[in-house]
């Protein structure tokens, strides 16, 4: 199936869901979740002024990896 036909088939399948409304009221954060966020935020590597060089290295490596990726058929 070529890409245009795949796209058209996908649009046809999804059409009934196009105008569907899903209620998504407010999200309640549990005490456990808030404690975990506080723990992560208080870690030394997440403090203002901490060396974030490793983050940039991972971002660069990820960009290079996905730029070189090829779809297998």
C-alpha atoms as a PDB file:
ATOM      1  CA  UNK A   1       0.000   0.000   0.000  1.00  0.00           C
ATOM      2  CA  UNK A   2       1.550   3.332  -0.953  1.00  0.00           C
ATOM      3  CA  UNK A   3       1.766   6.210   1.519  1.00  0.00           C
ATOM      4  CA  UNK A   4      -1.188   8.169   0.059  1.00  0.00           C
ATOM      5  CA  UNK A   5      -3.503   5.178   0.336  1.00  0.00           C
ATOM      6  CA  UNK A   6      -2.243   4.438   3.861  1.00  0.00           C
ATOM      7  CA  UNK A   7      -2.973   8.033   4.833  1.00  0.00           C
ATOM      8  CA  UNK A   8      -6.448   7.950   3.289  1.00  0.00           C
ATOM      9  CA  UNK A   9      -7.219   4.682   5.088  1.00  0.00           C
ATOM     10  CA  UNK A  10      -6.048   6.159   8.399  1.00  0.00           C
ATOM     11  CA  UNK A  11      -8.204   9.265   7.894  1.00  0.00           C
ATOM     12  CA  UNK A  12     -11.206   7.024   7.102  1.00  0.00           C
ATOM     13  CA  UNK A  13     -10.644   4.924  10.246  1.00  0.00           C
ATOM     14  CA  UNK A  14     -10.249   7.955  12.514  1.00  0.00           C
ATOM     15  CA  UNK A  15     -13.097  10.042  11.078  1.00  0.00           C
ATOM     16  CA  UNK A  16     -15.768   8.815  13.557  1.00  0.00           C
ATOM     17  CA  UNK A  17     -13.562   9.992  16.425  1.00  0.00           C
ATOM     18  CA  UNK A  18     -12.876  13.440  14.987  1.00  0.00           C
ATOM     19  CA  UNK A  19     -15.546  15.342  16.919  1.00  0.00           C
ATOM     20  CA  UNK A  20     -15.544  13.140  19.995  1.00  0.00           C
ATOM     21  CA  UNK A  21     -15.347  15.134  23.211  1.00  0.00           C
ATOM     22  CA  UNK A  22     -13.505  13.600  26.134  1.00  0.00           C
ATOM     23  CA  UNK A  23     -13.994  15.000  29.598  1.00  0.00           C
ATOM     24  CA  UNK A  24     -10.647  15.660  31.229  1.00  0.00           C
ATOM     25  CA  UNK A  25     -11.471  17.418  34.503  1.00  0.00           C
ATOM     26  CA  UNK A  26      -8.793  18.534  36.947  1.00  0.00           C
ATOM     27  CA  UNK A  27      -5.921  16.206  37.781  1.00  0.00           C
ATOM     28  CA  UNK A  28      -5.428  15.430  41.460  1.00  0.00           C
ATOM     29  CA  UNK A  29      -1.799  14.983  42.471  1.00  0.00           C
ATOM     30  CA  UNK A  30      -1.288  12.487  45.277  1.00  0.00           C
ATOM     31  CA  UNK A  31       0.923  13.142  48.276  1.00  0.00           C
ATOM     32  CA  UNK A  32       3.219  10.332  47.091  1.00  0.00           C
ATOM     33  CA  UNK A  33       3.613  11.962  43.667  1.00  0.00           C
ATOM     34  CA  UNK A  34       4.315  15.385  45.217  1.00  0.00           C
ATOM     35  CA  UNK A  35       6.922  13.786  47.525  1.00  0.00           C
ATOM     36  CA  UNK A  36       8.639  12.171  44.532  1.00  0.00           C
ATOM     37  CA  UNK A  37       8.702  15.488  42.653  1.00  0.00           C
ATOM     38  CA  UNK A  38      10.213  17.196  45.686  1.00  0.00           C
ATOM     39  CA  UNK A  39      12.849  14.440  45.966  1.00  0.00           C
ATOM     40  CA  UNK A  40      13.868  14.799  42.320  1.00  0.00           C
ATOM     41  CA  UNK A  41      13.902  18.596  42.472  1.00  0.00           C
ATOM     42  CA  UNK A  42      16.057  18.580  45.613  1.00  0.00           C
ATOM     43  CA  UNK A  43      18.754  16.303  44.121  1.00  0.00           C
ATOM     44  CA  UNK A  44      22.158  18.027  43.852  1.00  0.00           C
ATOM     45  CA  UNK A  45      22.280  17.620  40.066  1.00  0.00           C
ATOM     46  CA  UNK A  46      18.986  19.540  39.745  1.00  0.00           C
ATOM     47  CA  UNK A  47      20.055  22.573  41.724  1.00  0.00           C
ATOM     48  CA  UNK A  48      20.595  25.975  40.156  1.00  0.00           C
ATOM     49  CA  UNK A  49      24.212  26.278  39.013  1.00  0.00           C
ATOM     50  CA  UNK A  50      24.778  22.515  38.851  1.00  0.00           C
ATOM     51  CA  UNK A  51      26.796  21.227  35.903  1.00  0.00           C
ATOM     52  CA  UNK A  52      24.296  20.165  33.225  1.00  0.00           C
ATOM     53  CA  UNK A  53      26.920  19.243  30.615  1.00  0.00           C
ATOM     54  CA  UNK A  54      25.835  15.601  30.620  1.00  0.00           C
ATOM     55  CA  UNK A  55      22.307  16.618  29.586  1.00  0.00           C
ATOM     56  CA  UNK A  56      23.630  18.443  26.547  1.00  0.00           C
ATOM     57  CA  UNK A  57      25.782  15.424  25.632  1.00  0.00           C
ATOM     58  CA  UNK A  58      22.745  13.106  25.781  1.00  0.00           C
ATOM     59  CA  UNK A  59      20.659  15.557  23.702  1.00  0.00           C
ATOM     60  CA  UNK A  60      23.411  15.735  21.072  1.00  0.00           C
ATOM     61  CA  UNK A  61      23.830  11.958  20.992  1.00  0.00           C
ATOM     62  CA  UNK A  62      20.077  11.489  20.643  1.00  0.00           C
ATOM     63  CA  UNK A  63      19.872  13.977  17.765  1.00  0.00           C
ATOM     64  CA  UNK A  64      22.765  12.224  16.002  1.00  0.00           C
ATOM     65  CA  UNK A  65      21.223   8.799  16.576  1.00  0.00           C
ATOM     66  CA  UNK A  66      17.805   9.731  15.184  1.00  0.00           C
ATOM     67  CA  UNK A  67      19.308  11.718  12.301  1.00  0.00           C
ATOM     68  CA  UNK A  68      21.120   8.541  11.223  1.00  0.00           C
ATOM     69  CA  UNK A  69      18.122   6.227  11.764  1.00  0.00           C
ATOM     70  CA  UNK A  70      16.535   4.646   8.725  1.00  0.00           C
ATOM     71  CA  UNK A  71      13.148   2.955   8.468  1.00  0.00           C
ATOM     72  CA  UNK A  72      13.413  -0.779   7.882  1.00  0.00           C
ATOM     73  CA  UNK A  73      11.031  -2.343   5.400  1.00  0.00           C
END
